[in-house]
Amino acid sequence: MSRIGKMPIPVPAGVEIKLDGHTVEVKGPKGVLTREFSPKIDIKLEDKTLTVTRNSDVPEERSLHGLTRALLANMVTGVTSGFGKRLLLTGVGYRAAMNGSKLALTVGKSHPVEMDPGSDLKVEVPQPNTIIITGIDKDRVGAFAANVRAMRPPEPYKGKGIRYSNEVIKRKAGKAGAK
């Protein structure tokens, strides 16, 4: 059995779960998330607890077991407390600002880059070198944070670029000068 897949998911108070075949809708204080899952995996709601089971030991079903449980747990966590990513800009002249609902980045390109987070994500810029992305869908938060980081990934020589707040950049030594 999958160690992750066999763990039950407790449903906190204030969260409603609607099972319609293999479509699951999770409604909580922060919003509503809907996702369709594989028909090879069974999802049951009993006594404020979600359980995920599989029918056989076929490798495809084994891989879907833990994945389905993790996605359901992320949906429940998302509608109760939400998810967030913090990005840091390092480099001379690198800064971020909000331009209406869009994120404007000045990261050493010939023009400022504007990125639209969409209506389901909230982007804050408390300081010109800090970006905080929050939302209820873990996939969307992570994907938008990765797209922002991809505008100027951190480089190993000077450490300039956009990085996650918990990311460690391994620094390299530059060229050894001739003596």
N, C-alpha and C. Protein backbone atom coordinates (compact mmCIF):
# COMPACT_ATOMS: atom_id res chain seq x y z
N MET A 1 0.83 -1.19 0.00
CA MET A 1 0.00 0.00 0.00
C MET A 1 0.88 1.25 0.00
N SER A 2 0.36 2.27 -0.59
CA SER A 2 1.04 3.57 -0.61
C SER A 2 0.97 4.19 0.79
N ARG A 3 2.13 4.59 1.31
CA ARG A 3 2.13 5.19 2.65
C ARG A 3 1.35 6.50 2.67
N ILE A 4 1.46 7.27 1.59
CA ILE A 4 0.72 8.53 1.52
C ILE A 4 -0.74 8.26 1.19
N GLY A 5 -1.00 7.37 0.25
CA GLY A 5 -2.36 7.11 -0.20
C GLY A 5 -3.28 6.53 0.85
N LYS A 6 -2.75 5.77 1.78
CA LYS A 6 -3.62 5.13 2.78
C LYS A 6 -3.96 6.05 3.96
N MET A 7 -3.28 7.20 4.08
CA MET A 7 -3.58 8.11 5.18
C MET A 7 -4.92 8.80 4.95
N PRO A 8 -5.79 8.84 5.94
CA PRO A 8 -7.07 9.54 5.77
C PRO A 8 -6.87 11.05 5.81
N ILE A 9 -7.77 11.77 5.18
CA ILE A 9 -7.71 13.24 5.14
C ILE A 9 -8.82 13.76 6.05
N PRO A 10 -8.48 14.37 7.19
CA PRO A 10 -9.53 14.94 8.04
C PRO A 10 -10.12 16.20 7.39
N VAL A 11 -11.43 16.32 7.44
CA VAL A 11 -12.10 17.48 6.87
C VAL A 11 -12.42 18.45 8.01
N PRO A 12 -11.81 19.64 8.04
CA PRO A 12 -12.06 20.57 9.13
C PRO A 12 -13.47 21.14 9.08
N ALA A 13 -13.89 21.72 10.20
CA ALA A 13 -15.21 22.35 10.27
C ALA A 13 -15.24 23.53 9.31
N GLY A 14 -16.37 23.73 8.66
CA GLY A 14 -16.51 24.83 7.72
C GLY A 14 -16.15 24.47 6.30
N VAL A 15 -15.75 23.22 6.06
CA VAL A 15 -15.40 22.76 4.72
C VAL A 15 -16.46 21.77 4.25
N GLU A 16 -17.02 22.02 3.08
CA GLU A 16 -18.01 21.12 2.49
C GLU A 16 -17.37 20.39 1.32
N ILE A 17 -17.61 19.08 1.25
CA ILE A 17 -17.08 18.29 0.14
C ILE A 17 -18.25 17.62 -0.57
N LYS A 18 -18.27 17.81 -1.89
CA LYS A 18 -19.33 17.24 -2.70
C LYS A 18 -18.70 16.25 -3.68
N LEU A 19 -19.08 14.98 -3.59
CA LEU A 19 -18.59 13.95 -4.50
C LEU A 19 -19.64 13.68 -5.55
N ASP A 20 -19.27 13.83 -6.83
CA ASP A 20 -20.19 13.56 -7.92
C ASP A 20 -19.46 12.65 -8.90
N GLY A 21 -19.58 11.35 -8.69
CA GLY A 21 -18.81 10.40 -9.50
C GLY A 21 -17.35 10.53 -9.12
N HIS A 22 -16.53 10.95 -10.06
CA HIS A 22 -15.10 11.13 -9.79
C HIS A 22 -14.71 12.61 -9.81
N THR A 23 -15.72 13.48 -9.74
CA THR A 23 -15.47 14.90 -9.62
C THR A 23 -15.67 15.30 -8.17
N VAL A 24 -14.68 16.00 -7.62
CA VAL A 24 -14.75 16.41 -6.23
C VAL A 24 -14.76 17.93 -6.17
N GLU A 25 -15.71 18.48 -5.41
CA GLU A 25 -15.79 19.92 -5.20
C GLU A 25 -15.59 20.18 -3.71
N VAL A 26 -14.60 21.01 -3.40
CA VAL A 26 -14.29 21.36 -2.02
C VAL A 26 -14.59 22.84 -1.83
N LYS A 27 -15.49 23.13 -0.88
CA LYS A 27 -15.90 24.51 -0.62
C LYS A 27 -15.51 24.86 0.80
N GLY A 28 -14.80 25.97 0.96
CA GLY A 28 -14.35 26.39 2.28
C GLY A 28 -14.43 27.89 2.44
N PRO A 29 -13.88 28.41 3.55
CA PRO A 29 -13.96 29.85 3.80
C PRO A 29 -13.21 30.70 2.78
N LYS A 30 -12.17 30.15 2.12
CA LYS A 30 -11.39 30.94 1.16
C LYS A 30 -11.88 30.81 -0.27
N GLY A 31 -12.72 29.81 -0.57
CA GLY A 31 -13.20 29.67 -1.94
C GLY A 31 -13.61 28.24 -2.26
N VAL A 32 -13.72 27.97 -3.57
CA VAL A 32 -14.18 26.67 -4.05
C VAL A 32 -13.17 26.12 -5.05
N LEU A 33 -12.82 24.84 -4.90
CA LEU A 33 -11.94 24.15 -5.85
C LEU A 33 -12.65 22.91 -6.37
N THR A 34 -12.53 22.65 -7.66
CA THR A 34 -13.14 21.47 -8.28
C THR A 34 -12.08 20.76 -9.11
N ARG A 35 -12.08 19.45 -9.02
CA ARG A 35 -11.10 18.67 -9.79
C ARG A 35 -11.71 17.31 -10.12
N GLU A 36 -11.36 16.80 -11.30
CA GLU A 36 -11.81 15.47 -11.71
C GLU A 36 -10.66 14.50 -11.52
N PHE A 37 -10.96 13.34 -10.93
CA PHE A 37 -9.95 12.33 -10.67
C PHE A 37 -10.19 11.10 -11.52
N SER A 38 -9.19 10.22 -11.56
CA SER A 38 -9.25 9.01 -12.36
C SER A 38 -10.34 8.07 -11.83
N PRO A 39 -11.07 7.42 -12.72
CA PRO A 39 -12.10 6.47 -12.26
C PRO A 39 -11.49 5.19 -11.67
N LYS A 40 -10.19 5.01 -11.79
CA LYS A 40 -9.54 3.81 -11.24
C LYS A 40 -9.33 3.89 -9.74
N ILE A 41 -9.52 5.09 -9.17
CA ILE A 41 -9.31 5.31 -7.74
C ILE A 41 -10.66 5.66 -7.10
N ASP A 42 -10.96 5.04 -5.95
CA ASP A 42 -12.21 5.29 -5.24
C ASP A 42 -11.99 6.32 -4.14
N ILE A 43 -12.89 7.31 -4.06
CA ILE A 43 -12.83 8.34 -3.03
C ILE A 43 -14.11 8.25 -2.22
N LYS A 44 -13.97 8.15 -0.89
CA LYS A 44 -15.14 8.03 -0.02
C LYS A 44 -15.08 9.09 1.07
N LEU A 45 -16.24 9.63 1.43
CA LEU A 45 -16.37 10.60 2.51
C LEU A 45 -17.22 9.97 3.60
N GLU A 46 -16.60 9.73 4.75
CA GLU A 46 -17.31 9.13 5.88
C GLU A 46 -16.89 9.84 7.16
N ASP A 47 -17.85 10.31 7.93
CA ASP A 47 -17.60 10.92 9.25
C ASP A 47 -16.53 12.02 9.19
N LYS A 48 -16.70 12.98 8.29
CA LYS A 48 -15.76 14.10 8.17
C LYS A 48 -14.33 13.64 7.88
N THR A 49 -14.19 12.53 7.16
CA THR A 49 -12.88 12.01 6.78
C THR A 49 -12.95 11.52 5.35
N LEU A 50 -11.98 11.94 4.54
CA LEU A 50 -11.87 11.47 3.16
C LEU A 50 -10.89 10.31 3.12
N THR A 51 -11.24 9.22 2.43
CA THR A 51 -10.32 8.10 2.25
C THR A 51 -10.20 7.81 0.76
N VAL A 52 -9.01 7.42 0.37
CA VAL A 52 -8.71 7.10 -1.02
C VAL A 52 -8.26 5.65 -1.08
N THR A 53 -8.90 4.85 -1.93
CA THR A 53 -8.54 3.44 -2.07
C THR A 53 -8.38 3.10 -3.54
N ARG A 54 -7.63 2.04 -3.79
CA ARG A 54 -7.47 1.56 -5.16
C ARG A 54 -8.01 0.14 -5.25
N ASN A 55 -8.31 -0.27 -6.46
CA ASN A 55 -8.95 -1.58 -6.67
C ASN A 55 -7.95 -2.72 -6.84
N SER A 56 -6.77 -2.44 -7.38
CA SER A 56 -5.80 -3.51 -7.64
C SER A 56 -4.39 -2.98 -7.44
N ASP A 57 -3.41 -3.84 -7.72
CA ASP A 57 -2.01 -3.48 -7.56
C ASP A 57 -1.32 -3.19 -8.89
N VAL A 58 -2.09 -2.82 -9.90
CA VAL A 58 -1.52 -2.47 -11.20
C VAL A 58 -0.65 -1.22 -11.00
N PRO A 59 0.55 -1.16 -11.61
CA PRO A 59 1.43 -0.02 -11.39
C PRO A 59 0.79 1.35 -11.63
N GLU A 60 -0.08 1.46 -12.63
CA GLU A 60 -0.73 2.74 -12.91
C GLU A 60 -1.63 3.16 -11.75
N GLU A 61 -2.36 2.20 -11.19
CA GLU A 61 -3.25 2.51 -10.07
C GLU A 61 -2.44 2.81 -8.81
N ARG A 62 -1.32 2.13 -8.64
CA ARG A 62 -0.48 2.39 -7.47
C ARG A 62 0.07 3.82 -7.52
N SER A 63 0.44 4.27 -8.73
CA SER A 63 0.97 5.63 -8.84
C SER A 63 -0.12 6.67 -8.65
N LEU A 64 -1.34 6.37 -9.05
CA LEU A 64 -2.45 7.31 -8.90
C LEU A 64 -2.95 7.39 -7.46
N HIS A 65 -2.70 6.36 -6.66
CA HIS A 65 -3.23 6.30 -5.29
C HIS A 65 -2.69 7.45 -4.44
N GLY A 66 -1.37 7.56 -4.32
CA GLY A 66 -0.77 8.63 -3.52
C GLY A 66 -1.00 10.00 -4.13
N LEU A 67 -0.98 10.08 -5.45
CA LEU A 67 -1.21 11.35 -6.13
C LEU A 67 -2.61 11.89 -5.82
N THR A 68 -3.61 11.03 -5.92
CA THR A 68 -4.99 11.45 -5.67
C THR A 68 -5.15 11.94 -4.24
N ARG A 69 -4.57 11.22 -3.29
CA ARG A 69 -4.67 11.61 -1.88
C ARG A 69 -3.98 12.95 -1.65
N ALA A 70 -2.81 13.16 -2.24
CA ALA A 70 -2.07 14.41 -2.07
C ALA A 70 -2.84 15.58 -2.69
N LEU A 71 -3.43 15.39 -3.86
CA LEU A 71 -4.20 16.45 -4.50
C LEU A 71 -5.44 16.82 -3.67
N LEU A 72 -6.11 15.80 -3.11
CA LEU A 72 -7.28 16.07 -2.27
C LEU A 72 -6.87 16.82 -1.00
N ALA A 73 -5.77 16.41 -0.38
CA ALA A 73 -5.29 17.09 0.83
C ALA A 73 -4.93 18.54 0.52
N ASN A 74 -4.33 18.79 -0.65
CA ASN A 74 -3.99 20.15 -1.05
C ASN A 74 -5.24 20.99 -1.29
N MET A 75 -6.30 20.37 -1.81
CA MET A 75 -7.55 21.10 -2.02
C MET A 75 -8.15 21.52 -0.68
N VAL A 76 -8.15 20.60 0.29
CA VAL A 76 -8.72 20.90 1.61
C VAL A 76 -7.89 21.99 2.30
N THR A 77 -6.56 21.87 2.23
CA THR A 77 -5.69 22.88 2.83
C THR A 77 -5.86 24.23 2.13
N GLY A 78 -6.01 24.23 0.83
CA GLY A 78 -6.14 25.46 0.06
C GLY A 78 -7.37 26.27 0.42
N VAL A 79 -8.51 25.59 0.60
CA VAL A 79 -9.74 26.34 0.90
C VAL A 79 -9.81 26.74 2.37
N THR A 80 -8.96 26.16 3.23
CA THR A 80 -8.96 26.57 4.64
C THR A 80 -7.90 27.62 4.93
N SER A 81 -6.63 27.35 4.57
CA SER A 81 -5.57 28.31 4.90
C SER A 81 -4.88 28.89 3.68
N GLY A 82 -4.95 28.26 2.53
CA GLY A 82 -4.33 28.78 1.32
C GLY A 82 -2.85 28.45 1.23
N PHE A 83 -2.23 28.82 0.13
CA PHE A 83 -0.82 28.57 -0.12
C PHE A 83 -0.14 29.87 -0.51
N GLY A 84 1.17 29.92 -0.32
CA GLY A 84 1.90 31.13 -0.67
C GLY A 84 3.34 30.85 -1.04
N LYS A 85 3.89 31.71 -1.85
CA LYS A 85 5.31 31.65 -2.23
C LYS A 85 5.87 33.06 -2.09
N ARG A 86 7.10 33.14 -1.59
CA ARG A 86 7.78 34.42 -1.43
C ARG A 86 9.01 34.41 -2.32
N LEU A 87 9.14 35.41 -3.18
CA LEU A 87 10.26 35.53 -4.09
C LEU A 87 11.08 36.77 -3.73
N LEU A 88 12.40 36.66 -3.87
CA LEU A 88 13.30 37.77 -3.58
C LEU A 88 14.06 38.14 -4.84
N LEU A 89 14.18 39.44 -5.10
CA LEU A 89 14.94 39.93 -6.25
C LEU A 89 16.28 40.43 -5.73
N THR A 90 17.37 39.94 -6.33
CA THR A 90 18.71 40.34 -5.93
C THR A 90 19.43 40.87 -7.17
N GLY A 91 19.96 42.06 -7.06
CA GLY A 91 20.70 42.64 -8.18
C GLY A 91 20.47 44.14 -8.23
N VAL A 92 21.45 44.85 -8.74
CA VAL A 92 21.37 46.30 -8.83
C VAL A 92 20.29 46.68 -9.84
N GLY A 93 19.32 47.47 -9.41
CA GLY A 93 18.26 47.92 -10.29
C GLY A 93 17.12 46.92 -10.46
N TYR A 94 17.21 45.74 -9.87
CA TYR A 94 16.13 44.76 -9.98
C TYR A 94 15.04 45.14 -8.99
N ARG A 95 13.82 45.30 -9.49
CA ARG A 95 12.73 45.64 -8.60
C ARG A 95 11.40 45.19 -9.20
N ALA A 96 10.43 45.11 -8.32
CA ALA A 96 9.08 44.71 -8.72
C ALA A 96 8.10 45.76 -8.22
N ALA A 97 6.98 45.89 -8.91
CA ALA A 97 5.91 46.81 -8.50
C ALA A 97 4.60 46.29 -9.07
N MET A 98 3.52 46.71 -8.47
CA MET A 98 2.20 46.35 -8.99
C MET A 98 1.74 47.48 -9.91
N ASN A 99 1.36 47.12 -11.12
CA ASN A 99 0.85 48.08 -12.11
C ASN A 99 -0.62 47.72 -12.34
N GLY A 100 -1.49 48.26 -11.49
CA GLY A 100 -2.90 47.85 -11.53
C GLY A 100 -2.99 46.45 -10.92
N SER A 101 -3.49 45.51 -11.69
CA SER A 101 -3.56 44.13 -11.20
C SER A 101 -2.40 43.28 -11.73
N LYS A 102 -1.51 43.90 -12.51
CA LYS A 102 -0.39 43.16 -13.09
C LYS A 102 0.88 43.40 -12.30
N LEU A 103 1.78 42.41 -12.35
CA LEU A 103 3.08 42.51 -11.70
C LEU A 103 4.08 43.04 -12.73
N ALA A 104 4.74 44.15 -12.41
CA ALA A 104 5.72 44.75 -13.31
C ALA A 104 7.11 44.48 -12.75
N LEU A 105 7.96 43.84 -13.56
CA LEU A 105 9.31 43.50 -13.14
C LEU A 105 10.33 44.29 -13.95
N THR A 106 11.29 44.87 -13.25
CA THR A 106 12.44 45.51 -13.90
C THR A 106 13.64 44.66 -13.51
N VAL A 107 14.07 43.80 -14.45
CA VAL A 107 15.12 42.82 -14.12
C VAL A 107 16.23 42.80 -15.16
N GLY A 108 16.66 43.96 -15.61
CA GLY A 108 17.80 44.04 -16.52
C GLY A 108 17.49 43.74 -17.96
N LYS A 109 16.24 43.73 -18.35
CA LYS A 109 15.90 43.56 -19.76
C LYS A 109 15.71 44.95 -20.36
N SER A 110 15.55 45.04 -21.66
CA SER A 110 15.43 46.33 -22.32
C SER A 110 14.09 47.00 -22.02
N HIS A 111 13.17 46.27 -21.42
CA HIS A 111 11.84 46.80 -21.14
C HIS A 111 11.33 46.18 -19.83
N PRO A 112 10.42 46.85 -19.13
CA PRO A 112 9.82 46.22 -17.96
C PRO A 112 8.89 45.09 -18.39
N VAL A 113 8.91 44.01 -17.65
CA VAL A 113 8.09 42.84 -17.98
C VAL A 113 6.83 42.88 -17.12
N GLU A 114 5.66 42.79 -17.76
CA GLU A 114 4.40 42.76 -17.03
C GLU A 114 3.83 41.36 -17.09
N MET A 115 3.37 40.87 -15.92
CA MET A 115 2.81 39.52 -15.84
C MET A 115 1.44 39.61 -15.17
N ASP A 116 0.46 38.94 -15.77
CA ASP A 116 -0.91 38.94 -15.23
C ASP A 116 -1.11 37.68 -14.41
N PRO A 117 -1.34 37.80 -13.09
CA PRO A 117 -1.50 36.60 -12.26
C PRO A 117 -2.85 35.93 -12.42
N GLY A 118 -3.83 36.59 -12.97
CA GLY A 118 -5.16 36.02 -13.07
C GLY A 118 -6.00 36.44 -11.87
N SER A 119 -7.27 36.08 -11.90
CA SER A 119 -8.18 36.53 -10.85
C SER A 119 -8.10 35.67 -9.59
N ASP A 120 -7.58 34.45 -9.69
CA ASP A 120 -7.56 33.56 -8.53
C ASP A 120 -6.33 33.71 -7.65
N LEU A 121 -5.33 34.46 -8.10
CA LEU A 121 -4.11 34.67 -7.32
C LEU A 121 -4.03 36.10 -6.81
N LYS A 122 -3.42 36.24 -5.64
CA LYS A 122 -3.20 37.57 -5.07
C LYS A 122 -1.70 37.79 -5.00
N VAL A 123 -1.22 38.88 -5.61
CA VAL A 123 0.20 39.20 -5.62
C VAL A 123 0.41 40.49 -4.84
N GLU A 124 1.36 40.46 -3.92
CA GLU A 124 1.70 41.64 -3.13
C GLU A 124 3.18 41.95 -3.32
N VAL A 125 3.51 43.24 -3.30
CA VAL A 125 4.90 43.67 -3.36
C VAL A 125 5.13 44.60 -2.16
N PRO A 126 5.44 44.03 -0.98
CA PRO A 126 5.62 44.88 0.20
C PRO A 126 6.87 45.75 0.12
N GLN A 127 7.91 45.25 -0.56
CA GLN A 127 9.14 46.01 -0.80
C GLN A 127 9.50 45.82 -2.27
N PRO A 128 10.29 46.72 -2.84
CA PRO A 128 10.63 46.58 -4.26
C PRO A 128 11.40 45.30 -4.60
N ASN A 129 11.99 44.64 -3.61
CA ASN A 129 12.74 43.42 -3.90
C ASN A 129 12.07 42.17 -3.35
N THR A 130 10.79 42.24 -2.99
CA THR A 130 10.07 41.09 -2.44
C THR A 130 8.71 40.96 -3.13
N ILE A 131 8.38 39.72 -3.53
CA ILE A 131 7.09 39.43 -4.15
C ILE A 131 6.45 38.30 -3.34
N ILE A 132 5.19 38.47 -2.95
CA ILE A 132 4.46 37.42 -2.23
C ILE A 132 3.26 37.03 -3.08
N ILE A 133 3.18 35.74 -3.42
CA ILE A 133 2.10 35.21 -4.25
C ILE A 133 1.27 34.28 -3.37
N THR A 134 -0.04 34.52 -3.26
CA THR A 134 -0.91 33.67 -2.46
C THR A 134 -2.14 33.27 -3.27
N GLY A 135 -2.72 32.13 -2.91
CA GLY A 135 -3.92 31.65 -3.57
C GLY A 135 -4.38 30.35 -2.94
N ILE A 136 -5.53 29.83 -3.40
CA ILE A 136 -6.06 28.61 -2.81
C ILE A 136 -5.64 27.36 -3.59
N ASP A 137 -5.19 27.53 -4.83
CA ASP A 137 -4.78 26.38 -5.65
C ASP A 137 -3.26 26.28 -5.67
N LYS A 138 -2.73 25.22 -5.06
CA LYS A 138 -1.28 25.06 -4.94
C LYS A 138 -0.60 25.01 -6.31
N ASP A 139 -1.24 24.37 -7.28
CA ASP A 139 -0.68 24.28 -8.63
C ASP A 139 -0.51 25.66 -9.25
N ARG A 140 -1.54 26.49 -9.16
CA ARG A 140 -1.50 27.82 -9.78
C ARG A 140 -0.48 28.73 -9.10
N VAL A 141 -0.40 28.66 -7.76
CA VAL A 141 0.56 29.48 -7.02
C VAL A 141 1.97 29.09 -7.43
N GLY A 142 2.26 27.79 -7.45
CA GLY A 142 3.59 27.32 -7.80
C GLY A 142 3.96 27.61 -9.25
N ALA A 143 2.99 27.47 -10.16
CA ALA A 143 3.26 27.72 -11.57
C ALA A 143 3.53 29.20 -11.84
N PHE A 144 2.75 30.09 -11.21
CA PHE A 144 2.99 31.51 -11.42
C PHE A 144 4.32 31.93 -10.81
N ALA A 145 4.64 31.40 -9.63
CA ALA A 145 5.93 31.71 -8.99
C ALA A 145 7.08 31.24 -9.87
N ALA A 146 6.94 30.07 -10.49
CA ALA A 146 7.98 29.55 -11.37
C ALA A 146 8.12 30.41 -12.62
N ASN A 147 7.00 30.93 -13.15
CA ASN A 147 7.06 31.80 -14.33
C ASN A 147 7.75 33.13 -14.00
N VAL A 148 7.47 33.66 -12.80
CA VAL A 148 8.13 34.90 -12.39
C VAL A 148 9.63 34.66 -12.23
N ARG A 149 9.99 33.55 -11.58
CA ARG A 149 11.40 33.21 -11.37
C ARG A 149 12.12 33.01 -12.71
N ALA A 150 11.42 32.46 -13.69
CA ALA A 150 12.02 32.18 -15.00
C ALA A 150 12.37 33.45 -15.77
N MET A 151 11.80 34.60 -15.38
CA MET A 151 12.15 35.85 -16.06
C MET A 151 13.63 36.19 -15.88
N ARG A 152 14.20 35.85 -14.73
CA ARG A 152 15.63 36.07 -14.48
C ARG A 152 16.05 35.11 -13.37
N PRO A 153 16.34 33.84 -13.72
CA PRO A 153 16.75 32.87 -12.70
C PRO A 153 18.06 33.31 -12.05
N PRO A 154 18.28 32.93 -10.80
CA PRO A 154 19.52 33.34 -10.13
C PRO A 154 20.74 32.71 -10.79
N GLU A 155 21.80 33.49 -10.90
CA GLU A 155 23.02 32.96 -11.52
C GLU A 155 24.06 32.72 -10.42
N PRO A 156 24.96 31.75 -10.62
CA PRO A 156 25.83 31.31 -9.53
C PRO A 156 27.06 32.20 -9.26
N TYR A 157 27.38 33.14 -10.12
CA TYR A 157 28.61 33.91 -9.94
C TYR A 157 28.41 35.13 -9.03
N LYS A 158 27.36 35.90 -9.27
CA LYS A 158 27.09 37.06 -8.43
C LYS A 158 25.83 36.88 -7.59
N GLY A 159 25.03 35.85 -7.90
CA GLY A 159 23.81 35.60 -7.14
C GLY A 159 22.65 36.49 -7.57
N LYS A 160 22.79 37.19 -8.71
CA LYS A 160 21.73 38.08 -9.17
C LYS A 160 20.59 37.26 -9.76
N GLY A 161 19.38 37.80 -9.63
CA GLY A 161 18.23 37.15 -10.22
C GLY A 161 17.06 37.09 -9.26
N ILE A 162 16.04 36.31 -9.64
CA ILE A 162 14.85 36.13 -8.81
C ILE A 162 14.93 34.73 -8.22
N ARG A 163 14.83 34.64 -6.90
CA ARG A 163 14.90 33.33 -6.25
C ARG A 163 13.80 33.21 -5.21
N TYR A 164 13.48 31.96 -4.84
CA TYR A 164 12.55 31.71 -3.75
C TYR A 164 13.23 32.11 -2.45
N SER A 165 12.46 32.48 -1.44
CA SER A 165 13.04 32.96 -0.18
C SER A 165 13.80 31.85 0.55
N ASN A 166 13.41 30.59 0.35
CA ASN A 166 14.09 29.49 1.02
C ASN A 166 15.12 28.80 0.12
N GLU A 167 15.37 29.35 -1.05
CA GLU A 167 16.31 28.75 -2.01
C GLU A 167 17.73 29.19 -1.69
N VAL A 168 18.65 28.25 -1.74
CA VAL A 168 20.05 28.53 -1.50
C VAL A 168 20.78 28.46 -2.84
N ILE A 169 21.48 29.53 -3.19
CA ILE A 169 22.22 29.57 -4.45
C ILE A 169 23.66 29.17 -4.16
N LYS A 170 24.12 28.12 -4.81
CA LYS A 170 25.53 27.72 -4.66
C LYS A 170 26.38 28.66 -5.48
N ARG A 171 27.24 29.38 -4.83
CA ARG A 171 28.09 30.36 -5.50
C ARG A 171 29.32 29.69 -6.06
N LYS A 172 29.76 30.17 -7.23
CA LYS A 172 30.97 29.67 -7.87
C LYS A 172 32.02 30.77 -7.85
N ALA A 173 33.25 30.35 -7.88
CA ALA A 173 34.34 31.32 -7.99
C ALA A 173 34.44 31.79 -9.42
N GLY A 174 34.78 33.03 -9.62
CA GLY A 174 34.92 33.55 -10.97
C GLY A 174 36.25 33.12 -11.58
N LYS A 175 36.64 33.81 -12.64
CA LYS A 175 37.91 33.48 -13.29
C LYS A 175 39.07 33.78 -12.34
N ALA A 176 40.04 32.94 -12.37
CA ALA A 176 41.26 33.21 -11.60
C ALA A 176 42.12 34.17 -12.43
N GLY A 177 42.48 35.29 -11.86
CA GLY A 177 43.26 36.30 -12.59
C GLY A 177 44.69 35.83 -12.84
N ALA A 178 45.28 36.29 -13.95
CA ALA A 178 46.66 35.93 -14.29
C ALA A 178 47.59 36.68 -13.37
N LYS A 179 48.65 35.99 -12.92
CA LYS A 179 49.59 36.63 -11.97
C LYS A 179 50.89 36.97 -12.60
